[in-house]
């Protein structure tokens, strides 16, 4: 029982976080030596650093056709948009679902659906607030084009935000991925856009909270219309 309770609190962290956790820890010790109240502030920031880089396992639904959220966070935009030109997905608008991550969300990103990565394209840019619509065009970004077994494509775009200064992509072109597998992360506060295939409606609504690799954002086999939601 105690082990189960501990596992709900203590999570593994992404390897990118090890160096930051070490830096925060050293600074915290120095602050305690300098003045104890500063040390407690440093300890709080060290705990936050650990929390930011957490990388928990997720229970991913495996039924064919389900497309899951690539990130933890909140749905900030659902609208038609042309995918980034560098992904080679055409110039026709597709439904774009944007997941905004704040600095308290888990920032490890996951592949929304099984397929082969046909294109990875990085583009430098600005660091505007990632919740803004124009961040999709102006901000630093890294995009993946994923070809599914039926030949249809989805686009997944990591977008750096106001605080974020590093996009990590840990996969390669031609790599076969399974639904929910990790492919990278962004630090510290950012957004991930998903471009759905033509004719596929999202099963999420603005303001809805996402859990990466678990929350279903679309069903490629469903004819259900776009879902609506209300605050309760």
Protein backbone atom coordinates (compact mmCIF):
# COMPACT_ATOMS: atom_id res chain seq x y z
CA UNK A 1 0.00 0.00 0.00
CA UNK A 2 2.76 2.43 0.97
CA UNK A 3 4.63 1.62 -2.23
CA UNK A 4 1.51 2.32 -4.31
CA UNK A 5 1.01 5.67 -2.58
CA UNK A 6 4.65 6.60 -3.11
CA UNK A 7 4.44 5.74 -6.81
CA UNK A 8 1.63 8.27 -7.27
CA UNK A 9 3.96 11.03 -6.07
CA UNK A 10 7.47 9.96 -7.09
CA UNK A 11 7.84 9.70 -10.87
CA UNK A 12 10.87 9.05 -13.09
CA UNK A 13 12.24 12.13 -14.81
CA UNK A 14 13.36 12.71 -18.36
CA UNK A 15 17.14 12.49 -18.78
CA UNK A 16 17.16 16.12 -19.93
CA UNK A 17 16.20 17.07 -16.38
CA UNK A 18 19.13 15.46 -14.58
CA UNK A 19 21.55 18.33 -15.19
CA UNK A 20 18.97 20.95 -14.24
CA UNK A 21 18.06 19.10 -11.05
CA UNK A 22 21.75 18.94 -10.13
CA UNK A 23 22.19 22.68 -10.77
CA UNK A 24 19.11 23.56 -8.73
CA UNK A 25 20.33 21.31 -5.93
CA UNK A 26 23.79 22.90 -5.77
CA UNK A 27 22.32 26.40 -5.81
CA UNK A 28 19.89 25.44 -3.03
CA UNK A 29 22.72 24.23 -0.79
CA UNK A 30 24.59 27.49 -1.44
CA UNK A 31 21.48 29.50 -0.57
CA UNK A 32 21.03 27.62 2.72
CA UNK A 33 24.63 28.44 3.60
CA UNK A 34 24.09 32.08 2.66
CA UNK A 35 20.73 32.62 4.40
CA UNK A 36 18.27 29.92 5.44
CA UNK A 37 15.06 31.58 4.10
CA UNK A 38 16.67 31.76 0.65
CA UNK A 39 17.52 28.08 0.94
CA UNK A 40 13.85 27.17 1.43
CA UNK A 41 12.98 29.15 -1.68
CA UNK A 42 15.68 27.26 -3.55
CA UNK A 43 14.30 23.96 -2.25
CA UNK A 44 10.85 24.84 -3.56
CA UNK A 45 12.30 25.65 -6.98
CA UNK A 46 14.25 22.37 -6.95
CA UNK A 47 11.04 20.44 -6.28
CA UNK A 48 9.39 22.33 -9.14
CA UNK A 49 12.33 21.43 -11.44
CA UNK A 50 11.86 17.75 -10.62
CA UNK A 51 8.13 18.08 -11.19
CA UNK A 52 8.60 19.81 -14.53
CA UNK A 53 10.85 17.06 -15.94
CA UNK A 54 8.72 14.17 -14.68
CA UNK A 55 8.16 11.44 -17.25
CA UNK A 56 5.45 9.07 -16.01
CA UNK A 57 4.23 6.00 -17.85
CA UNK A 58 0.78 6.32 -19.35
CA UNK A 59 -2.06 3.90 -20.13
CA UNK A 60 -2.55 4.37 -23.88
CA UNK A 61 -5.76 3.11 -25.57
CA UNK A 62 -4.75 0.67 -28.29
CA UNK A 63 -7.87 0.37 -30.42
CA UNK A 64 -7.14 1.04 -34.10
CA UNK A 65 -8.05 4.53 -35.29
CA UNK A 66 -7.78 6.32 -31.95
CA UNK A 67 -5.63 9.45 -32.00
CA UNK A 68 -4.41 10.54 -28.56
CA UNK A 69 -3.16 13.83 -27.21
CA UNK A 70 0.57 14.43 -27.80
CA UNK A 71 0.90 16.52 -24.64
CA UNK A 72 -0.47 17.31 -21.21
CA UNK A 73 -2.26 20.64 -21.06
CA UNK A 74 -5.39 22.47 -22.15
CA UNK A 75 -7.01 22.69 -25.59
CA UNK A 76 -6.38 26.32 -26.52
CA UNK A 77 -7.38 26.33 -30.21
CA UNK A 78 -9.46 24.23 -32.60
CA UNK A 79 -9.59 25.74 -36.06
CA UNK A 80 -8.84 25.12 -39.75
CA UNK A 81 -5.24 25.93 -40.68
CA UNK A 82 -2.74 25.07 -43.39
CA UNK A 83 0.02 22.77 -42.02
CA UNK A 84 3.55 24.22 -42.00
CA UNK A 85 4.90 24.19 -45.55
CA UNK A 86 8.08 22.41 -44.50
CA UNK A 87 6.07 19.26 -43.68
CA UNK A 88 4.94 18.83 -47.27
CA UNK A 89 1.33 18.11 -46.33
CA UNK A 90 -0.22 20.38 -48.97
CA UNK A 91 -1.76 23.82 -48.91
CA UNK A 92 -5.33 22.91 -47.97
CA UNK A 93 -6.55 23.83 -44.46
CA UNK A 94 -6.91 20.93 -42.03
CA UNK A 95 -8.40 20.90 -38.55
CA UNK A 96 -5.70 21.97 -36.10
CA UNK A 97 -6.00 21.03 -32.43
CA UNK A 98 -3.62 22.95 -30.17
CA UNK A 99 -2.60 21.77 -26.68
CA UNK A 100 -1.09 24.50 -24.49
CA UNK A 101 1.30 23.41 -21.74
CA UNK A 102 2.00 25.65 -18.77
CA UNK A 103 5.11 25.36 -16.60
CA UNK A 104 3.40 22.86 -14.27
CA UNK A 105 2.39 20.37 -16.98
CA UNK A 106 4.43 17.32 -17.94
CA UNK A 107 6.38 18.41 -21.04
CA UNK A 108 7.27 15.05 -22.55
CA UNK A 109 5.62 14.76 -25.98
CA UNK A 110 4.16 11.59 -27.48
CA UNK A 111 3.13 10.39 -30.93
CA UNK A 112 -0.66 10.69 -31.33
CA UNK A 113 -1.07 7.59 -33.51
CA UNK A 114 0.98 4.73 -34.90
CA UNK A 115 2.80 5.37 -38.16
CA UNK A 116 6.05 6.15 -39.94
CA UNK A 117 7.74 9.51 -39.54
CA UNK A 118 8.20 10.71 -43.09
CA UNK A 119 9.44 14.22 -42.35
CA UNK A 120 11.07 16.11 -39.47
CA UNK A 121 11.50 19.83 -40.03
CA UNK A 122 12.90 22.42 -37.61
CA UNK A 123 12.28 26.14 -38.11
CA UNK A 124 13.82 28.90 -35.92
CA UNK A 125 11.58 31.77 -34.87
CA UNK A 126 10.30 34.02 -32.13
CA UNK A 127 9.22 33.19 -28.58
CA UNK A 128 5.73 34.67 -28.35
CA UNK A 129 3.17 33.42 -25.86
CA UNK A 130 2.39 29.91 -27.14
CA UNK A 131 -1.32 30.32 -26.48
CA UNK A 132 -1.58 32.93 -29.24
CA UNK A 133 -2.76 31.86 -32.69
CA UNK A 134 0.17 33.56 -34.45
CA UNK A 135 2.63 31.48 -32.44
CA UNK A 136 1.99 28.67 -34.96
CA UNK A 137 3.53 30.86 -37.67
CA UNK A 138 6.04 33.08 -35.89
CA UNK A 139 7.52 30.95 -33.10
CA UNK A 140 10.38 28.48 -33.15
CA UNK A 141 8.94 25.10 -34.04
CA UNK A 142 9.72 21.51 -34.92
CA UNK A 143 7.28 19.53 -37.03
CA UNK A 144 6.73 15.84 -37.71
CA UNK A 145 4.72 14.36 -40.57
CA UNK A 146 3.42 10.90 -39.65
CA UNK A 147 2.08 8.52 -42.29
CA UNK A 148 -0.45 6.03 -40.96
CA UNK A 149 -0.98 2.48 -42.21
CA UNK A 150 -3.80 3.60 -44.52
CA UNK A 151 -1.58 6.23 -46.17
CA UNK A 152 -3.22 9.24 -44.53
CA UNK A 153 -1.02 11.83 -42.83
CA UNK A 154 -1.14 13.75 -39.59
CA UNK A 155 1.10 16.63 -38.59
CA UNK A 156 2.51 17.14 -35.10
CA UNK A 157 4.25 20.45 -34.39
CA UNK A 158 6.18 21.36 -31.25
CA UNK A 159 6.08 25.12 -30.68
CA UNK A 160 8.36 26.98 -28.27
CA UNK A 161 6.62 29.51 -26.03
CA UNK A 162 7.34 32.68 -24.09
CA UNK A 163 9.58 30.89 -21.58
CA UNK A 164 10.60 27.85 -23.63
CA UNK A 165 14.02 28.02 -25.23
CA UNK A 166 14.71 24.44 -26.26
CA UNK A 167 12.79 21.98 -28.39
CA UNK A 168 13.99 18.39 -28.19
CA UNK A 169 13.14 15.82 -30.86
CA UNK A 170 14.49 12.36 -30.17
CA UNK A 171 13.30 10.44 -33.23
CA UNK A 172 14.47 10.22 -36.84
CA UNK A 173 12.89 10.27 -40.28
CA UNK A 174 11.76 6.82 -41.40
CA UNK A 175 11.25 5.62 -37.83
CA UNK A 176 8.17 3.53 -37.11
CA UNK A 177 6.29 4.68 -34.02
CA UNK A 178 3.50 3.26 -31.91
CA UNK A 179 0.63 5.28 -30.49
CA UNK A 180 1.73 7.09 -27.32
CA UNK A 181 5.46 6.55 -27.73
CA UNK A 182 7.69 9.40 -26.58
CA UNK A 183 9.29 11.50 -29.30
CA UNK A 184 10.64 14.57 -27.50
CA UNK A 185 9.90 17.42 -25.12
CA UNK A 186 9.92 21.22 -24.86
CA UNK A 187 11.12 23.30 -21.95
CA UNK A 188 9.69 25.41 -20.22
CA UNK A 189 6.07 26.17 -21.24
CA UNK A 190 4.93 25.65 -24.80
CA UNK A 191 2.39 24.13 -27.18
CA UNK A 192 1.85 21.16 -29.49
CA UNK A 193 -0.38 21.36 -32.58
CA UNK A 194 -1.95 18.32 -34.24
CA UNK A 195 -3.24 18.54 -37.83
CA UNK A 196 -5.97 15.97 -38.34
CA UNK A 197 -6.60 14.20 -41.67
CA UNK A 198 -9.20 15.80 -43.92
CA UNK A 199 -12.74 15.00 -42.77
CA UNK A 200 -11.78 13.87 -39.26
CA UNK A 201 -13.56 15.76 -36.48
CA UNK A 202 -11.99 16.34 -33.04
CA UNK A 203 -13.67 14.71 -30.05
CA UNK A 204 -12.40 17.38 -27.64
CA UNK A 205 -13.47 20.95 -26.88
CA UNK A 206 -11.80 24.25 -26.06
CA UNK A 207 -10.63 24.41 -22.47
CA UNK A 208 -10.61 20.64 -21.99
CA UNK A 209 -7.67 19.21 -20.05
CA UNK A 210 -5.52 16.68 -21.87
CA UNK A 211 -3.39 13.80 -20.60
CA UNK A 212 -0.73 12.88 -23.11
CA UNK A 213 -0.98 9.39 -24.62
CA UNK A 214 -4.29 8.81 -22.79
CA UNK A 215 -6.91 11.39 -23.79
CA UNK A 216 -8.48 10.56 -27.18
CA UNK A 217 -8.68 13.69 -29.33
CA UNK A 218 -10.07 12.04 -32.49
CA UNK A 219 -11.33 8.70 -33.82
CA UNK A 220 -10.43 8.07 -37.45
CA UNK A 221 -13.13 5.39 -37.72
CA UNK A 222 -15.97 7.50 -36.31
CA UNK A 223 -18.53 9.67 -38.10
CA UNK A 224 -19.45 11.45 -34.87
CA UNK A 225 -19.72 15.25 -35.34
CA UNK A 226 -17.47 17.65 -33.47
CA UNK A 227 -18.16 17.51 -29.75
CA UNK A 228 -19.40 20.47 -27.80
CA UNK A 229 -18.76 21.13 -24.12
CA UNK A 230 -19.96 23.42 -21.35
CA UNK A 231 -18.56 24.48 -18.00
CA UNK A 232 -20.13 22.64 -15.06
